[in-house]
Amino acid sequence: MRSIWNGSISFGLVSIPVKMYSATDSASAVSFVQIHEKDGGRIRYRKVCELDGQEVSQDEIGKGYQAASDMIVPLTDADLASLPLPTAKTLTILAFVDASDIDPLQMDKAYYLGANGPSAAKPYVLLRDALVHHQKVAIGKVALRNRETLAMLRVHDDAIVMHALLWPDQIRSPAGLAPKENVQIRDNELTLAETLMDSLGELDQGELHDDYRDAVEELVTAKLEGGEPAVPSEGPRRGGKVIDLMAALEDSVRAAQEGRGGDDEESGTSASVTRLRGKSSAKATGAAGKKGTGAAGSAGSTGSAGKKAAAEKTAPAKKSTAKKAAPAEKGAAKKTASAEKGAAKKTATAKKTPAKKTASRRKAG
């Protein structure tokens, strides 16, 4: 790793020689070049003077400060070198504060600071351990690329990291961006949102990678080999208009639990989701009931009239059914009596016939 700056950290009367290294690498990020669609030629930008229209080489280019929309003041390297810049080779620590005092909006590019030489080892470790033990970050100023920068020092993996910070006046105000409507959040909605936050689990840094970059590389490889690029599978659709916030939260919790594959956790979460949905439904039902009974007295009178009308309709129906049932029962009784008489006559006749036959046989004998 090649250092990009040599200087020292000024910690009171202690001076710590350090070297600065880039902590991040943007070379792996996806980037494209512009080409001429007609023939595939590369499009390049040239530095051209606005006055004479001629292309200018790098050794002819100087610095200027735009004081007005139509006025540029030329500045030479000698002019800039004469300016008082005490932080040109020194990172001066101004204060030690809690990390929470620094808004992430201020954080810019990150750099590693390494000890420069054996003599810097002990003061370097002293500052590092003091930051960890006291749970503070250091705020200072340093000059990089001929301009002064606000900086924050913290510890990461036993190394001191410097974050270039934006100046407070470089942070824009978010005034007017938050919803102006009076939005009311129910307790069960907030609880379910927190359940979703917990169900997503912890972040595994090892599983983070750039899917888009991988897809671009596969596409380029396929084109170089003369083949057709594979059609990526369509992932789950996200976004859109939210119709039911509770339903969206519940589905999100279930999806998060399925993604983690935890059966026990999923059942517990489903139970809590059901309870929250039940509470929400109970509240809605109670509100609807109050709304119905709270109407003018006509609602109560309508209910009583409805009950009377239903009772009056039921009474004639019962009488009619009783009348129909009575003749049916009488008819059934008559049929049964006739059937019994017929059976008795047949039995009596059957008994008489064998008796007559027996008497005839006796006389014949």
Protein backbone atom coordinates (compact mmCIF):
# COMPACT_ATOMS: atom_id res chain seq x y z
CA MET A 1 0.00 0.00 0.00
CA ARG A 2 1.50 3.31 -1.09
CA SER A 3 1.26 6.34 1.20
CA ILE A 4 -0.31 9.50 -0.18
CA TRP A 5 0.75 11.94 2.56
CA ASN A 6 3.50 12.23 5.15
CA GLY A 7 3.11 14.39 8.22
CA SER A 8 2.44 14.20 11.93
CA ILE A 9 -0.37 14.24 14.44
CA SER A 10 -0.11 17.06 16.96
CA PHE A 11 -1.49 15.80 20.28
CA GLY A 12 -0.81 18.61 22.73
CA LEU A 13 3.00 18.70 22.98
CA VAL A 14 3.23 15.18 21.57
CA SER A 15 4.08 14.81 17.89
CA ILE A 16 3.37 11.48 16.16
CA PRO A 17 4.95 11.01 12.71
CA VAL A 18 2.45 9.22 10.46
CA LYS A 19 1.87 8.19 6.87
CA MET A 20 -1.55 8.40 5.25
CA TYR A 21 -3.05 5.65 3.07
CA SER A 22 -6.35 5.44 1.20
CA ALA A 23 -8.73 3.25 3.20
CA THR A 24 -11.15 2.67 0.35
CA ASP A 25 -10.79 1.40 -3.20
CA SER A 26 -13.08 2.62 -5.96
CA ALA A 27 -11.30 0.68 -8.71
CA SER A 28 -13.72 -2.25 -8.34
CA ALA A 29 -16.78 -0.04 -8.80
CA VAL A 30 -18.72 -0.33 -12.04
CA SER A 31 -17.75 2.38 -14.51
CA PHE A 32 -18.49 2.94 -18.18
CA VAL A 33 -16.85 4.94 -20.95
CA GLN A 34 -18.63 6.87 -23.66
CA ILE A 35 -18.43 5.59 -27.23
CA HIS A 36 -19.63 6.63 -30.66
CA GLU A 37 -22.62 4.34 -31.37
CA LYS A 38 -21.99 4.48 -35.12
CA ASP A 39 -18.50 2.94 -35.11
CA GLY A 40 -17.75 2.16 -31.43
CA GLY A 41 -15.00 4.76 -31.20
CA ARG A 42 -14.07 6.10 -27.75
CA ILE A 43 -15.33 9.58 -26.90
CA ARG A 44 -12.70 11.67 -25.10
CA TYR A 45 -12.78 15.13 -23.63
CA ARG A 46 -10.25 17.71 -24.62
CA LYS A 47 -9.24 20.81 -22.70
CA VAL A 48 -9.98 23.78 -24.90
CA CYS A 49 -9.55 27.49 -24.18
CA GLU A 50 -12.83 29.39 -24.37
CA LEU A 51 -11.17 32.48 -25.87
CA ASP A 52 -9.21 31.12 -28.82
CA GLY A 53 -10.80 27.66 -29.15
CA GLN A 54 -7.41 25.97 -29.10
CA GLU A 55 -6.65 22.73 -27.24
CA VAL A 56 -4.35 23.35 -24.24
CA SER A 57 -1.70 20.99 -22.87
CA GLN A 58 -1.42 20.25 -19.16
CA ASP A 59 1.75 22.33 -18.64
CA GLU A 60 -0.11 25.42 -19.87
CA ILE A 61 -2.96 25.07 -17.35
CA GLY A 62 -2.87 27.14 -14.14
CA LYS A 63 -5.25 27.93 -11.26
CA GLY A 64 -7.85 30.64 -10.98
CA TYR A 65 -10.50 31.70 -8.47
CA GLN A 66 -13.89 32.67 -9.86
CA ALA A 67 -14.72 35.80 -7.87
CA ALA A 68 -17.84 36.59 -9.92
CA SER A 69 -19.85 35.03 -12.70
CA ASP A 70 -17.73 36.80 -15.30
CA MET A 71 -14.48 37.38 -13.39
CA ILE A 72 -11.66 34.89 -12.71
CA VAL A 73 -8.64 35.88 -10.61
CA PRO A 74 -5.43 33.98 -11.60
CA LEU A 75 -3.51 32.43 -8.68
CA THR A 76 -0.02 30.97 -8.92
CA ASP A 77 1.60 28.25 -6.80
CA ALA A 78 3.77 30.96 -5.24
CA ASP A 79 0.65 32.88 -4.19
CA LEU A 80 -0.80 29.83 -2.50
CA ALA A 81 2.50 28.87 -0.87
CA SER A 82 2.69 32.30 0.80
CA LEU A 83 -0.63 31.75 2.60
CA PRO A 84 -0.39 30.84 6.30
CA LEU A 85 -1.38 27.16 6.52
CA PRO A 86 -0.13 25.67 9.80
CA THR A 87 -1.82 22.36 9.06
CA ALA A 88 0.14 21.80 5.83
CA LYS A 89 2.13 18.92 7.31
CA THR A 90 0.45 18.56 10.68
CA LEU A 91 -2.90 17.14 11.71
CA THR A 92 -3.73 19.30 14.70
CA ILE A 93 -6.14 17.77 17.23
CA LEU A 94 -8.59 20.37 18.54
CA ALA A 95 -10.85 18.34 20.85
CA PHE A 96 -12.04 14.88 21.87
CA VAL A 97 -15.79 14.24 21.63
CA ASP A 98 -18.28 11.38 21.64
CA ALA A 99 -18.71 9.67 18.30
CA SER A 100 -22.45 10.36 18.49
CA ASP A 101 -21.67 14.10 18.33
CA ILE A 102 -20.55 13.73 14.71
CA ASP A 103 -23.39 13.47 12.23
CA PRO A 104 -22.69 10.84 9.53
CA LEU A 105 -23.66 13.47 6.96
CA GLN A 106 -20.33 15.16 7.63
CA MET A 107 -18.20 12.08 6.89
CA ASP A 108 -16.33 12.11 3.61
CA LYS A 109 -13.43 9.98 2.40
CA ALA A 110 -11.59 7.68 4.86
CA TYR A 111 -7.83 7.19 5.28
CA TYR A 112 -5.60 4.96 7.39
CA LEU A 113 -2.87 6.55 9.46
CA GLY A 114 0.19 4.40 10.10
CA ALA A 115 3.17 5.04 12.37
CA ASN A 116 6.11 6.47 10.40
CA GLY A 117 9.22 4.90 11.87
CA PRO A 118 10.14 3.13 15.15
CA SER A 119 10.12 6.35 17.17
CA ALA A 120 6.44 6.88 16.31
CA ALA A 121 5.31 3.47 17.62
CA LYS A 122 4.86 4.36 21.31
CA PRO A 123 3.02 7.71 20.89
CA TYR A 124 0.90 6.14 18.16
CA VAL A 125 -0.18 3.27 20.45
CA LEU A 126 -0.72 5.73 23.32
CA LEU A 127 -3.16 7.83 21.27
CA ARG A 128 -4.88 4.72 19.91
CA ASP A 129 -5.39 3.13 23.33
CA ALA A 130 -6.50 6.44 24.87
CA LEU A 131 -9.21 6.79 22.21
CA VAL A 132 -10.44 3.25 22.89
CA HIS A 133 -10.28 3.47 26.70
CA HIS A 134 -11.92 6.90 26.87
CA GLN A 135 -14.46 5.97 24.14
CA LYS A 136 -13.86 9.21 22.28
CA VAL A 137 -12.99 10.38 18.78
CA ALA A 138 -10.55 13.17 18.00
CA ILE A 139 -11.50 16.22 15.93
CA GLY A 140 -8.75 18.16 14.16
CA LYS A 141 -7.71 20.00 11.03
CA VAL A 142 -5.27 19.05 8.30
CA ALA A 143 -4.28 20.46 4.92
CA LEU A 144 -4.74 18.09 1.98
CA ARG A 145 -4.18 19.09 -1.63
CA ASN A 146 -3.59 22.73 -0.71
CA ARG A 147 -6.85 23.09 1.20
CA GLU A 148 -7.67 22.73 4.88
CA THR A 149 -9.94 19.87 5.86
CA LEU A 150 -11.80 19.06 9.04
CA ALA A 151 -10.92 15.56 10.23
CA MET A 152 -12.06 12.94 12.73
CA LEU A 153 -9.77 10.24 14.16
CA ARG A 154 -11.09 6.93 15.47
CA VAL A 155 -9.78 3.39 15.94
CA HIS A 156 -10.55 0.49 13.63
CA ASP A 157 -8.84 -2.93 13.88
CA ASP A 158 -5.94 -1.55 15.98
CA ALA A 159 -5.28 1.22 13.45
CA ILE A 160 -6.11 4.91 13.60
CA VAL A 161 -8.53 5.95 10.86
CA MET A 162 -8.98 9.51 9.68
CA HIS A 163 -12.30 10.58 8.19
CA ALA A 164 -12.26 13.80 6.23
CA LEU A 165 -15.27 15.81 7.39
CA LEU A 166 -17.35 18.36 5.59
CA TRP A 167 -17.49 21.76 7.22
CA PRO A 168 -20.78 22.48 9.02
CA ASP A 169 -21.78 25.13 6.46
CA GLN A 170 -21.50 22.50 3.70
CA ILE A 171 -24.42 20.49 5.12
CA ARG A 172 -27.74 21.50 3.65
CA SER A 173 -30.82 21.88 5.82
CA PRO A 174 -33.62 19.30 5.38
CA ALA A 175 -36.28 21.89 6.22
CA GLY A 176 -39.56 21.26 4.41
CA LEU A 177 -38.79 17.66 3.45
CA ALA A 178 -40.59 15.90 6.32
CA PRO A 179 -44.36 15.24 5.90
CA LYS A 180 -46.43 18.24 6.95
CA GLU A 181 -49.56 16.17 7.60
CA ASN A 182 -50.45 15.24 11.17
CA VAL A 183 -49.64 11.53 10.91
CA GLN A 184 -50.77 9.34 13.83
CA ILE A 185 -48.89 6.07 14.43
CA ARG A 186 -50.70 3.43 16.50
CA ASP A 187 -48.87 1.44 19.15
CA ASN A 188 -49.41 -1.90 17.37
CA GLU A 189 -47.99 -0.47 14.13
CA LEU A 190 -44.88 0.73 15.94
CA THR A 191 -44.52 -2.62 17.73
CA LEU A 192 -44.82 -4.54 14.46
CA ALA A 193 -42.24 -2.27 12.80
CA GLU A 194 -39.83 -3.00 15.67
CA THR A 195 -40.57 -6.73 15.31
CA LEU A 196 -39.60 -6.46 11.64
CA MET A 197 -36.37 -4.70 12.61
CA ASP A 198 -35.50 -7.51 15.04
CA SER A 199 -36.47 -10.28 12.61
CA LEU A 200 -34.02 -9.08 9.95
CA GLY A 201 -31.19 -10.20 12.24
CA GLU A 202 -27.60 -9.04 12.39
CA LEU A 203 -25.58 -7.87 9.40
CA ASP A 204 -22.91 -10.25 8.11
CA GLN A 205 -20.27 -8.15 6.35
CA GLY A 206 -18.92 -11.25 4.61
CA GLU A 207 -22.18 -11.75 2.72
CA LEU A 208 -22.22 -8.23 1.27
CA HIS A 209 -21.25 -7.96 -2.39
CA ASP A 210 -22.14 -5.94 -5.46
CA ASP A 211 -24.71 -8.01 -7.41
CA TYR A 212 -24.91 -5.39 -10.15
CA ARG A 213 -21.15 -5.52 -10.76
CA ASP A 214 -21.29 -9.33 -11.03
CA ALA A 215 -24.14 -9.08 -13.53
CA VAL A 216 -22.22 -6.53 -15.63
CA GLU A 217 -19.12 -8.75 -15.69
CA GLU A 218 -21.19 -11.78 -16.77
CA LEU A 219 -22.78 -9.69 -19.51
CA VAL A 220 -19.39 -8.48 -20.79
CA THR A 221 -17.95 -12.01 -20.70
CA ALA A 222 -20.90 -13.35 -22.68
CA LYS A 223 -20.51 -10.66 -25.33
CA LEU A 224 -16.76 -11.28 -25.63
CA GLU A 225 -17.41 -14.99 -26.15
CA GLY A 226 -20.04 -14.26 -28.78
CA GLY A 227 -22.86 -15.82 -26.81
CA GLU A 228 -26.15 -14.52 -25.60
CA PRO A 229 -26.18 -13.14 -22.07
CA ALA A 230 -28.32 -15.05 -19.60
CA VAL A 231 -31.63 -13.43 -18.77
CA PRO A 232 -31.59 -12.60 -15.07
CA SER A 233 -34.47 -13.90 -13.00
CA GLU A 234 -36.93 -11.25 -11.96
CA GLY A 235 -36.66 -10.65 -8.26
CA PRO A 236 -39.52 -9.74 -5.96
CA ARG A 237 -41.19 -6.50 -6.82
CA ARG A 238 -40.77 -3.80 -4.23
CA GLY A 239 -42.31 -0.45 -3.69
CA GLY A 240 -45.65 0.64 -5.02
CA LYS A 241 -48.61 2.12 -3.23
CA VAL A 242 -49.15 0.83 0.28
CA ILE A 243 -52.82 -0.01 0.74
CA ASP A 244 -52.67 -1.59 4.20
CA LEU A 245 -49.67 -0.64 6.33
CA MET A 246 -50.32 -3.40 8.87
CA ALA A 247 -50.59 -6.04 6.13
CA ALA A 248 -47.36 -4.82 4.54
CA LEU A 249 -45.56 -5.01 7.90
CA GLU A 250 -46.91 -8.49 8.59
CA ASP A 251 -45.84 -9.77 5.16
CA SER A 252 -42.41 -8.22 5.64
CA VAL A 253 -41.95 -9.94 9.01
CA ARG A 254 -42.95 -13.32 7.55
CA ALA A 255 -40.65 -12.86 4.56
CA ALA A 256 -37.74 -11.94 6.82
CA GLN A 257 -38.32 -15.00 9.01
CA GLU A 258 -38.57 -17.29 5.97
CA GLY A 259 -35.32 -15.84 4.66
CA ARG A 260 -33.58 -16.67 7.93
CA GLY A 261 -35.14 -20.14 8.02
CA GLY A 262 -35.99 -20.08 11.74
CA ASP A 263 -39.05 -22.26 12.42
CA ASP A 264 -39.26 -21.54 16.13
CA GLU A 265 -38.65 -17.86 15.64
CA GLU A 266 -41.13 -17.81 12.77
CA SER A 267 -43.90 -19.40 14.83
CA GLY A 268 -43.28 -16.95 17.63
CA THR A 269 -43.30 -14.03 15.25
CA SER A 270 -46.45 -15.30 13.54
CA ALA A 271 -48.15 -15.52 16.92
CA SER A 272 -47.17 -11.95 17.76
CA VAL A 273 -48.33 -10.80 14.32
CA THR A 274 -51.70 -12.53 14.89
CA ARG A 275 -52.06 -10.91 18.29
CA LEU A 276 -51.29 -7.49 16.87
CA ARG A 277 -53.74 -8.03 14.01
CA GLY A 278 -56.37 -9.15 16.54
CA LYS A 279 -55.86 -6.01 18.58
CA SER A 280 -56.16 -3.90 15.47
CA SER A 281 -59.39 -5.70 14.41
CA ALA A 282 -60.84 -5.41 17.90
CA LYS A 283 -60.16 -1.68 17.90
CA ALA A 284 -61.78 -1.31 14.49
CA THR A 285 -64.84 -3.37 15.55
CA GLY A 286 -65.20 -1.38 18.77
CA ALA A 287 -65.00 1.86 16.85
CA ALA A 288 -67.63 0.65 14.40
CA GLY A 289 -69.92 -0.42 17.26
CA LYS A 290 -69.57 2.92 18.99
CA LYS A 291 -70.25 4.68 15.73
CA GLY A 292 -73.45 2.65 15.15
CA THR A 293 -74.90 3.08 18.67
CA GLY A 294 -73.87 6.70 18.76
CA ALA A 295 -76.25 7.63 15.91
CA ALA A 296 -79.48 9.59 16.64
CA GLY A 297 -82.30 7.76 18.51
CA SER A 298 -83.70 6.57 15.17
CA ALA A 299 -81.19 3.71 15.16
CA GLY A 300 -82.58 2.33 18.44
CA SER A 301 -86.22 2.73 17.36
CA THR A 302 -85.47 1.11 14.03
CA GLY A 303 -83.99 -1.88 15.85
CA SER A 304 -87.13 -2.25 18.05
CA ALA A 305 -89.48 -1.92 15.08
CA GLY A 306 -87.46 -4.53 13.23
CA LYS A 307 -87.75 -6.98 16.12
CA LYS A 308 -91.57 -6.47 16.35
CA ALA A 309 -92.03 -6.94 12.62
CA ALA A 310 -89.98 -10.12 12.72
CA ALA A 311 -92.04 -11.44 15.65
CA GLU A 312 -95.31 -10.65 13.84
CA LYS A 313 -94.14 -12.46 10.70
CA THR A 314 -93.02 -15.47 12.70
CA ALA A 315 -96.37 -15.90 14.58
CA PRO A 316 -98.56 -16.40 11.44
CA ALA A 317 -95.96 -18.67 9.99
CA LYS A 318 -96.07 -20.87 13.09
CA LYS A 319 -99.93 -20.98 13.05
CA SER A 320 -99.96 -21.91 9.38
CA THR A 321 -97.45 -24.65 9.96
CA ALA A 322 -99.54 -25.99 12.90
CA LYS A 323 -102.72 -26.01 10.76
CA LYS A 324 -100.96 -27.88 7.97
CA ALA A 325 -99.48 -30.34 10.43
CA ALA A 326 -102.89 -31.14 12.10
CA PRO A 327 -104.71 -32.47 8.95
CA ALA A 328 -101.61 -34.37 7.99
CA GLU A 329 -101.53 -36.07 11.37
CA LYS A 330 -105.29 -36.88 11.18
CA GLY A 331 -104.89 -38.36 7.71
CA ALA A 332 -101.96 -40.45 8.86
CA ALA A 333 -104.02 -41.70 11.85
CA LYS A 334 -106.98 -42.69 9.60
CA LYS A 335 -104.67 -44.55 7.24
CA THR A 336 -103.11 -46.43 10.15
CA ALA A 337 -106.54 -47.38 11.60
CA SER A 338 -107.77 -48.61 8.19
CA ALA A 339 -104.60 -50.61 7.73
CA GLU A 340 -105.03 -52.22 11.14
CA LYS A 341 -108.73 -53.11 10.44
CA GLY A 342 -107.83 -54.62 7.08
CA ALA A 343 -105.11 -56.70 8.66
CA ALA A 344 -107.54 -57.94 11.37
CA LYS A 345 -110.17 -58.95 8.78
CA LYS A 346 -107.57 -60.87 6.77
CA THR A 347 -106.39 -62.68 9.90
CA ALA A 348 -109.95 -63.61 10.90
CA THR A 349 -110.74 -64.86 7.40
CA ALA A 350 -107.53 -66.85 7.34
CA LYS A 351 -108.47 -68.54 10.64
CA LYS A 352 -112.06 -69.37 9.48
CA THR A 353 -110.94 -70.99 6.24
CA PRO A 354 -108.75 -73.70 7.82
CA ALA A 355 -111.59 -74.44 10.31
CA LYS A 356 -114.13 -74.96 7.48
CA LYS A 357 -111.74 -77.21 5.61
CA THR A 358 -111.18 -79.35 8.73
CA ALA A 359 -114.96 -79.77 9.32
CA SER A 360 -115.53 -80.86 5.73
CA ARG A 361 -112.82 -83.48 5.97
CA ARG A 362 -114.40 -84.93 9.17
CA LYS A 363 -117.83 -85.28 7.50
CA ALA A 364 -116.30 -86.95 4.49
CA GLY A 365 -114.56 -89.47 6.71
